[in-house]
Amino acid sequence: MPSLFRRKSADLVDEAVTPVTPDEESSSARTRGYTPAKGRETPKRPAAGRRPVGTGKPLTKEEQRAVRRQLRAESAAEFRREGGPRDRGPERLLARNVVDSRRTVGTWFFGGALVVLIGSNPGMPPAIQLASNLVWGALALGVIVDSVLICRKIRKLVRERFPNTGQRMGSLYLYAIMRSITFRKMRTPQPRVSIGDPV
């Protein structure tokens, strides 16, 4: 007696094999990818998402050097104008303005050190050697006194204007002292205040 719930194997084979029209075959091949069946033309990739191809001529070595030189000049000018990461922050700006608004003994320190180096030569007369040593001592004392005055003013202004600052005062003092012994035209960032301006 044949089972009512079992199907013949021939029926299963007939259902598994379904006819496919040529149009359906070509559409399924297109959706699978870009590799078509043998003997068919490869479709072009879409332009979206592709890397743009440069249409201009490649630069010569002289032009590349000129571009690099211009980029270096622009970055140097920006660094001279804005400074680097160590120059960021309102407290650093305040310290720079305090230093730039006054004449500092430190700007004469390196020039005086050169004079002292020449004057302390053993071939020089004793009077010149003594004078150079006195100049050296006076410059060193002047830099110390000037640095103390700068640090006191910075501490007072920072406490008044930035009472909740997280800036370390020792680092701020050192920053201001190093700027004070640098020639004004060589300071980075450039001074924003003139000598004698109120801070």
Protein backbone atom coordinates (compact mmCIF):
# COMPACT_ATOMS: atom_id res chain seq x y z
CA MET A 1 0.00 0.00 0.00
CA PRO A 2 1.54 3.27 -1.06
CA SER A 3 2.15 5.86 1.63
CA LEU A 4 0.09 9.01 1.46
CA PHE A 5 2.86 11.17 2.98
CA ARG A 6 5.85 10.06 0.94
CA ARG A 7 6.69 11.62 -2.36
CA LYS A 8 8.39 10.00 -5.25
CA SER A 9 12.02 10.84 -5.89
CA ALA A 10 11.17 11.81 -9.46
CA ASP A 11 8.88 14.57 -8.18
CA LEU A 12 11.66 15.97 -6.02
CA VAL A 13 14.05 16.05 -8.98
CA ASP A 14 11.51 17.84 -11.14
CA GLU A 15 10.96 20.53 -8.49
CA ALA A 16 14.66 21.05 -7.85
CA VAL A 17 15.38 21.69 -11.53
CA THR A 18 13.69 24.96 -12.52
CA PRO A 19 14.17 26.47 -15.94
CA VAL A 20 16.14 29.71 -16.15
CA THR A 21 15.63 32.16 -18.98
CA PRO A 22 18.65 33.94 -20.58
CA ASP A 23 17.55 37.31 -19.18
CA GLU A 24 17.43 35.99 -15.64
CA GLU A 25 20.81 34.36 -16.09
CA SER A 26 22.46 37.59 -17.24
CA SER A 27 20.86 39.61 -14.41
CA SER A 28 22.02 37.14 -11.77
CA ALA A 29 25.53 37.22 -13.22
CA ARG A 30 25.54 41.01 -12.98
CA THR A 31 24.44 41.04 -9.36
CA ARG A 32 27.04 38.45 -8.33
CA GLY A 33 30.04 40.51 -9.28
CA TYR A 34 32.09 41.94 -12.10
CA THR A 35 33.36 38.67 -13.58
CA PRO A 36 30.97 37.65 -16.38
CA ALA A 37 30.52 34.30 -18.02
CA LYS A 38 33.10 33.21 -20.54
CA GLY A 39 32.81 35.01 -23.84
CA ARG A 40 30.91 38.03 -22.51
CA GLU A 41 32.10 41.61 -22.17
CA THR A 42 33.19 42.75 -18.69
CA PRO A 43 30.95 45.57 -17.43
CA LYS A 44 32.66 48.76 -16.24
CA ARG A 45 32.94 49.50 -12.54
CA PRO A 46 30.85 52.42 -11.25
CA ALA A 47 32.71 55.70 -10.83
CA ALA A 48 31.40 56.21 -7.28
CA GLY A 49 33.96 55.40 -4.62
CA ARG A 50 36.88 55.23 -7.00
CA ARG A 51 40.06 57.19 -6.42
CA PRO A 52 40.23 60.25 -8.72
CA VAL A 53 42.88 60.14 -11.37
CA GLY A 54 45.02 63.25 -11.70
CA THR A 55 44.64 64.97 -15.00
CA GLY A 56 47.51 67.43 -14.61
CA LYS A 57 51.07 66.87 -15.62
CA PRO A 58 53.48 65.55 -12.97
CA LEU A 59 55.61 68.22 -11.32
CA THR A 60 59.24 68.51 -12.26
CA LYS A 61 61.95 68.30 -9.60
CA GLU A 62 62.38 72.07 -9.61
CA GLU A 63 58.64 72.59 -9.12
CA GLN A 64 58.57 70.02 -6.30
CA ARG A 65 61.45 71.81 -4.57
CA ALA A 66 59.64 75.14 -4.97
CA VAL A 67 56.45 73.68 -3.46
CA ARG A 68 58.38 72.22 -0.52
CA ARG A 69 60.19 75.51 0.01
CA GLN A 70 56.90 77.41 0.02
CA LEU A 71 55.34 74.96 2.51
CA ARG A 72 58.35 75.28 4.81
CA ALA A 73 58.19 79.07 4.64
CA GLU A 74 54.48 79.06 5.43
CA SER A 75 54.88 76.69 8.39
CA ALA A 76 57.81 78.73 9.74
CA ALA A 77 55.81 81.96 9.46
CA GLU A 78 52.86 80.34 11.22
CA PHE A 79 55.11 79.01 14.00
CA ARG A 80 56.71 82.44 14.42
CA ARG A 81 53.27 84.04 14.60
CA GLU A 82 51.39 81.47 16.72
CA GLY A 83 54.13 79.45 18.42
CA GLY A 84 54.07 75.78 19.30
CA PRO A 85 52.23 73.59 21.83
CA ARG A 86 54.31 74.95 24.74
CA ASP A 87 53.06 78.48 23.96
CA ARG A 88 49.36 77.63 24.27
CA GLY A 89 47.17 78.91 27.05
CA PRO A 90 46.14 82.29 28.47
CA GLU A 91 48.71 82.07 31.28
CA ARG A 92 51.54 81.69 28.77
CA LEU A 93 50.20 84.64 26.79
CA LEU A 94 50.13 86.72 29.97
CA ALA A 95 53.73 85.74 30.78
CA ARG A 96 54.84 86.70 27.28
CA ASN A 97 53.11 90.06 27.50
CA VAL A 98 54.74 90.78 30.87
CA VAL A 99 58.18 90.09 29.41
CA ASP A 100 57.55 91.89 26.11
CA SER A 101 56.19 95.03 27.76
CA ARG A 102 59.50 95.84 29.46
CA ARG A 103 63.20 96.14 28.74
CA THR A 104 65.08 93.19 30.20
CA VAL A 105 68.70 92.86 31.23
CA GLY A 106 68.74 89.36 29.82
CA THR A 107 68.75 90.63 26.23
CA TRP A 108 72.24 91.99 26.87
CA PHE A 109 73.43 88.89 28.67
CA PHE A 110 74.83 86.97 25.70
CA GLY A 111 76.45 90.07 24.19
CA GLY A 112 78.08 90.79 27.54
CA ALA A 113 79.18 87.15 27.81
CA LEU A 114 80.99 87.50 24.48
CA VAL A 115 82.75 90.64 25.68
CA VAL A 116 83.71 88.87 28.91
CA LEU A 117 85.04 85.88 26.95
CA ILE A 118 87.28 88.12 24.87
CA GLY A 119 88.34 90.29 27.81
CA SER A 120 89.27 87.34 30.03
CA ASN A 121 91.84 86.12 27.51
CA PRO A 122 95.20 85.64 29.32
CA GLY A 123 96.85 87.81 26.67
CA MET A 124 94.83 90.83 27.74
CA PRO A 125 96.15 93.37 30.28
CA PRO A 126 95.06 92.77 33.87
CA ALA A 127 92.92 95.92 33.90
CA ILE A 128 90.81 94.65 30.97
CA GLN A 129 90.46 91.24 32.58
CA LEU A 130 89.27 92.87 35.81
CA ALA A 131 86.79 95.06 33.93
CA SER A 132 85.40 92.06 32.02
CA ASN A 133 84.92 90.15 35.25
CA LEU A 134 83.10 93.13 36.78
CA VAL A 135 80.86 93.37 33.70
CA TRP A 136 80.13 89.65 33.96
CA GLY A 137 79.17 89.95 37.64
CA ALA A 138 76.99 92.99 36.98
CA LEU A 139 75.18 91.22 34.13
CA ALA A 140 74.60 88.10 36.19
CA LEU A 141 73.26 90.13 39.12
CA GLY A 142 71.05 92.18 36.79
CA VAL A 143 69.57 89.03 35.20
CA ILE A 144 68.81 87.57 38.63
CA VAL A 145 67.12 90.74 39.90
CA ASP A 146 65.19 91.20 36.66
CA SER A 147 64.02 87.57 36.69
CA VAL A 148 62.78 87.92 40.28
CA LEU A 149 60.80 91.05 39.38
CA ILE A 150 59.28 89.37 36.31
CA CYS A 151 58.28 86.28 38.31
CA ARG A 152 56.69 88.37 41.05
CA LYS A 153 54.61 90.32 38.54
CA ILE A 154 53.53 87.15 36.73
CA ARG A 155 52.50 85.50 40.01
CA LYS A 156 50.46 88.54 41.01
CA LEU A 157 48.64 88.81 37.66
CA VAL A 158 47.99 85.08 37.34
CA ARG A 159 46.46 84.98 40.85
CA GLU A 160 44.25 87.95 40.00
CA ARG A 161 43.09 86.85 36.55
CA PHE A 162 43.28 83.06 36.74
CA PRO A 163 42.63 82.05 40.36
CA ASN A 164 41.68 78.48 39.37
CA THR A 165 44.57 77.91 36.99
CA GLY A 166 46.12 74.47 36.65
CA GLN A 167 49.36 75.88 35.28
CA ARG A 168 52.48 75.08 37.30
CA MET A 169 54.03 78.36 38.40
CA GLY A 170 57.59 77.07 38.27
CA SER A 171 57.19 76.10 34.63
CA LEU A 172 55.63 79.49 33.91
CA TYR A 173 58.51 81.33 35.60
CA LEU A 174 61.09 79.39 33.61
CA TYR A 175 59.16 80.09 30.41
CA ALA A 176 59.20 83.83 31.11
CA ILE A 177 62.88 83.89 32.12
CA MET A 178 63.97 82.07 28.96
CA ARG A 179 61.99 84.58 26.91
CA SER A 180 63.49 87.50 28.79
CA ILE A 181 67.06 86.51 27.85
CA THR A 182 66.15 86.15 24.16
CA PHE A 183 66.56 89.08 21.78
CA ARG A 184 63.21 90.72 21.13
CA LYS A 185 63.34 90.16 17.36
CA MET A 186 64.09 86.47 17.86
CA ARG A 187 61.23 85.74 20.27
CA THR A 188 58.64 83.19 19.23
CA PRO A 189 55.72 83.85 19.11
CA GLN A 190 56.21 87.45 18.08
CA PRO A 191 55.58 90.08 20.76
CA ARG A 192 52.02 91.38 20.74
CA VAL A 193 52.67 94.38 22.99
CA SER A 194 55.16 97.20 22.74
CA ILE A 195 57.63 98.23 25.43
CA GLY A 196 55.81 100.29 28.05
CA ASP A 197 52.30 99.01 27.23
CA PRO A 198 50.16 98.10 30.24
CA VAL A 199 49.52 94.39 30.71
